[in-house]
Amino acid sequence: MSTRWYPIYQRGNPQLRVFLPNFWMKLVRPESKQLPNIVQFHCSMEMTKFDIKNYLEKIYNIPVVDVRTKIALGKFRRDVGKGYVIKDDDIKSAYVVLPKDMKFEYPDIFGSKKDDGEDEQKALSEAKKNFKNYIDRNKHRTDVPSWFTI
């Protein structure tokens, strides 16, 4: 079921509407060590196990063996300024079991640290050189703002 508001039906030719569900899934790294064929997601509270399985199989072509869900209660905390109690949103976690021969590895989005060190040094030296040229170009023009150059 969708909570989105769609335009009211009007008589006439094509009705330009696309009905989209409010489903979303977010891949998360588990807190504890798990088997290599188990993947954890956070998903919308309205999704059932069957929705999760169909979502992964139909959209991403991932073979799913089993889906287990868990609803984690949001934390209660006290507001610092006003003093009233605030409750965080509940989180639905889905543990998806892939076939035994499949192994899931989390993507390395930050790259390896060894290669980045050289690039950072090059970028830093280039920035220093450009800043020195900028200062040298404007040091005799004390009456004109430095950003006003040709």
Protein backbone atom coordinates (compact mmCIF):
# COMPACT_ATOMS: atom_id res chain seq x y z
CA MET A 1 0.00 0.00 0.00
CA SER A 2 1.27 3.42 -0.86
CA THR A 3 0.94 6.57 1.18
CA ARG A 4 1.70 8.86 -1.75
CA TRP A 5 -0.99 11.20 -3.04
CA TYR A 6 -1.85 10.74 -6.67
CA PRO A 7 -3.89 13.08 -8.86
CA ILE A 8 -7.62 12.42 -8.93
CA TYR A 9 -8.85 10.52 -11.96
CA GLN A 10 -10.05 12.81 -14.74
CA ARG A 11 -11.90 11.75 -17.83
CA GLY A 12 -9.90 11.99 -20.97
CA ASN A 13 -7.01 10.48 -22.80
CA PRO A 14 -3.91 9.04 -21.22
CA GLN A 15 -3.66 9.31 -17.48
CA LEU A 16 -0.02 10.14 -16.85
CA ARG A 17 0.56 8.35 -13.56
CA VAL A 18 3.09 5.91 -12.26
CA PHE A 19 2.16 4.06 -9.09
CA LEU A 20 5.26 3.40 -7.02
CA PRO A 21 5.36 1.63 -3.67
CA ASN A 22 7.00 3.29 -0.69
CA PHE A 23 9.46 0.42 -0.37
CA TRP A 24 13.14 1.02 0.26
CA MET A 25 16.03 -1.14 1.37
CA LYS A 26 19.43 -0.14 2.71
CA LEU A 27 22.42 -2.49 2.84
CA VAL A 28 24.08 -2.37 6.27
CA ARG A 29 27.18 -3.93 7.70
CA PRO A 30 26.21 -6.28 10.56
CA GLU A 31 27.46 -5.59 14.08
CA SER A 32 28.44 -9.21 14.69
CA LYS A 33 30.31 -11.64 12.45
CA GLN A 34 28.02 -13.58 10.09
CA LEU A 35 28.33 -16.27 7.47
CA PRO A 36 29.50 -15.03 4.05
CA ASN A 37 26.16 -15.89 2.41
CA ILE A 38 24.02 -13.81 4.83
CA VAL A 39 23.36 -10.16 4.04
CA GLN A 40 21.68 -7.63 6.34
CA PHE A 41 19.36 -4.85 5.16
CA HIS A 42 17.32 -2.15 6.84
CA CYS A 43 13.96 -1.85 5.11
CA SER A 44 10.67 -0.03 5.38
CA MET A 45 8.30 -1.25 8.08
CA GLU A 46 5.56 -2.06 5.56
CA MET A 47 7.67 -4.68 3.75
CA THR A 48 6.95 -8.34 4.45
CA LYS A 49 9.32 -11.27 3.96
CA PHE A 50 7.71 -11.99 0.61
CA ASP A 51 8.08 -8.37 -0.48
CA ILE A 52 11.77 -8.42 0.40
CA LYS A 53 12.33 -11.67 -1.47
CA ASN A 54 10.46 -10.45 -4.57
CA TYR A 55 12.22 -7.07 -4.42
CA LEU A 56 15.68 -8.67 -4.53
CA GLU A 57 14.80 -11.40 -7.03
CA LYS A 58 12.82 -9.33 -9.54
CA ILE A 59 14.75 -6.05 -9.50
CA TYR A 60 18.33 -7.16 -8.77
CA ASN A 61 18.18 -10.80 -9.96
CA ILE A 62 19.59 -12.10 -6.67
CA PRO A 63 18.62 -15.68 -5.78
CA VAL A 64 17.21 -15.66 -2.23
CA VAL A 65 16.93 -18.83 -0.15
CA ASP A 66 15.40 -17.41 3.02
CA VAL A 67 14.47 -14.08 4.60
CA ARG A 68 14.25 -13.40 8.32
CA THR A 69 13.08 -10.08 9.72
CA LYS A 70 13.49 -8.37 13.06
CA ILE A 71 12.02 -5.12 14.36
CA ALA A 72 14.37 -3.21 16.67
CA LEU A 73 12.71 -0.79 19.04
CA GLY A 74 13.88 2.81 18.72
CA LYS A 75 15.79 4.32 21.63
CA PHE A 76 14.13 6.56 24.18
CA ARG A 77 16.06 9.67 25.17
CA ARG A 78 15.43 12.90 26.97
CA ASP A 79 15.63 16.21 25.11
CA VAL A 80 18.50 18.33 26.43
CA GLY A 81 16.78 21.73 26.33
CA LYS A 82 13.11 21.02 27.01
CA GLY A 83 13.39 17.84 29.05
CA TYR A 84 10.66 15.82 27.33
CA VAL A 85 11.14 12.23 26.14
CA ILE A 86 11.90 11.53 22.47
CA LYS A 87 11.63 8.11 20.85
CA ASP A 88 13.65 7.29 17.75
CA ASP A 89 12.01 5.46 14.87
CA ASP A 90 11.83 1.68 14.98
CA ILE A 91 14.07 -0.16 12.52
CA LYS A 92 13.14 -3.29 10.59
CA SER A 93 16.17 -5.45 9.79
CA ALA A 94 16.04 -8.15 7.14
CA TYR A 95 18.57 -10.98 7.13
CA VAL A 96 18.71 -12.45 3.62
CA VAL A 97 20.24 -15.89 3.13
CA LEU A 98 21.83 -16.46 -0.27
CA PRO A 99 22.65 -19.88 -1.76
CA LYS A 100 25.62 -21.70 -0.18
CA ASP A 101 27.87 -21.23 -3.21
CA MET A 102 27.34 -17.44 -3.25
CA LYS A 103 29.57 -15.23 -1.12
CA PHE A 104 28.73 -11.57 -0.50
CA GLU A 105 31.54 -9.05 -0.03
CA TYR A 106 30.88 -5.48 0.98
CA PRO A 107 32.15 -2.98 -1.60
CA ASP A 108 35.30 -1.04 -0.77
CA ILE A 109 34.06 2.49 -1.42
CA PHE A 110 37.02 4.28 0.12
CA GLY A 111 39.75 2.35 -1.71
CA SER A 112 43.02 1.20 -0.25
CA LYS A 113 44.87 3.58 2.06
CA LYS A 114 48.33 2.96 0.56
CA ASP A 115 47.48 4.31 -2.89
CA ASP A 116 45.66 7.38 -1.56
CA GLY A 117 48.71 8.65 0.35
CA GLU A 118 50.67 9.41 -2.81
CA ASP A 119 47.73 11.13 -4.46
CA GLU A 120 47.12 13.24 -1.36
CA GLN A 121 50.76 14.35 -1.30
CA LYS A 122 50.60 15.34 -4.97
CA ALA A 123 47.36 17.25 -4.44
CA LEU A 124 48.76 19.02 -1.37
CA SER A 125 51.96 20.08 -3.14
CA GLU A 126 49.94 21.29 -6.14
CA ALA A 127 47.65 23.32 -3.88
CA LYS A 128 50.64 24.88 -2.10
CA LYS A 129 52.21 25.80 -5.44
CA ASN A 130 48.98 27.38 -6.72
CA PHE A 131 48.52 29.35 -3.50
CA LYS A 132 52.11 30.65 -3.69
CA ASN A 133 51.53 31.78 -7.29
CA TYR A 134 48.30 33.48 -6.20
CA ILE A 135 50.06 35.37 -3.40
CA ASP A 136 53.00 36.36 -5.61
CA ARG A 137 50.68 37.62 -8.33
CA ASN A 138 48.82 39.95 -5.92
CA LYS A 139 51.47 41.11 -3.41
CA HIS A 140 52.13 44.47 -5.18
CA ARG A 141 48.43 45.36 -5.49
CA THR A 142 47.54 46.34 -1.96
CA ASP A 143 44.73 48.70 -2.99
CA VAL A 144 42.79 46.09 -5.01
CA PRO A 145 41.12 43.05 -3.43
CA SER A 146 42.97 39.83 -4.17
CA TRP A 147 39.90 38.15 -5.68
CA PHE A 148 39.72 40.92 -8.32
CA THR A 149 42.31 39.64 -10.81
CA ILE A 150 42.45 39.35 -14.56
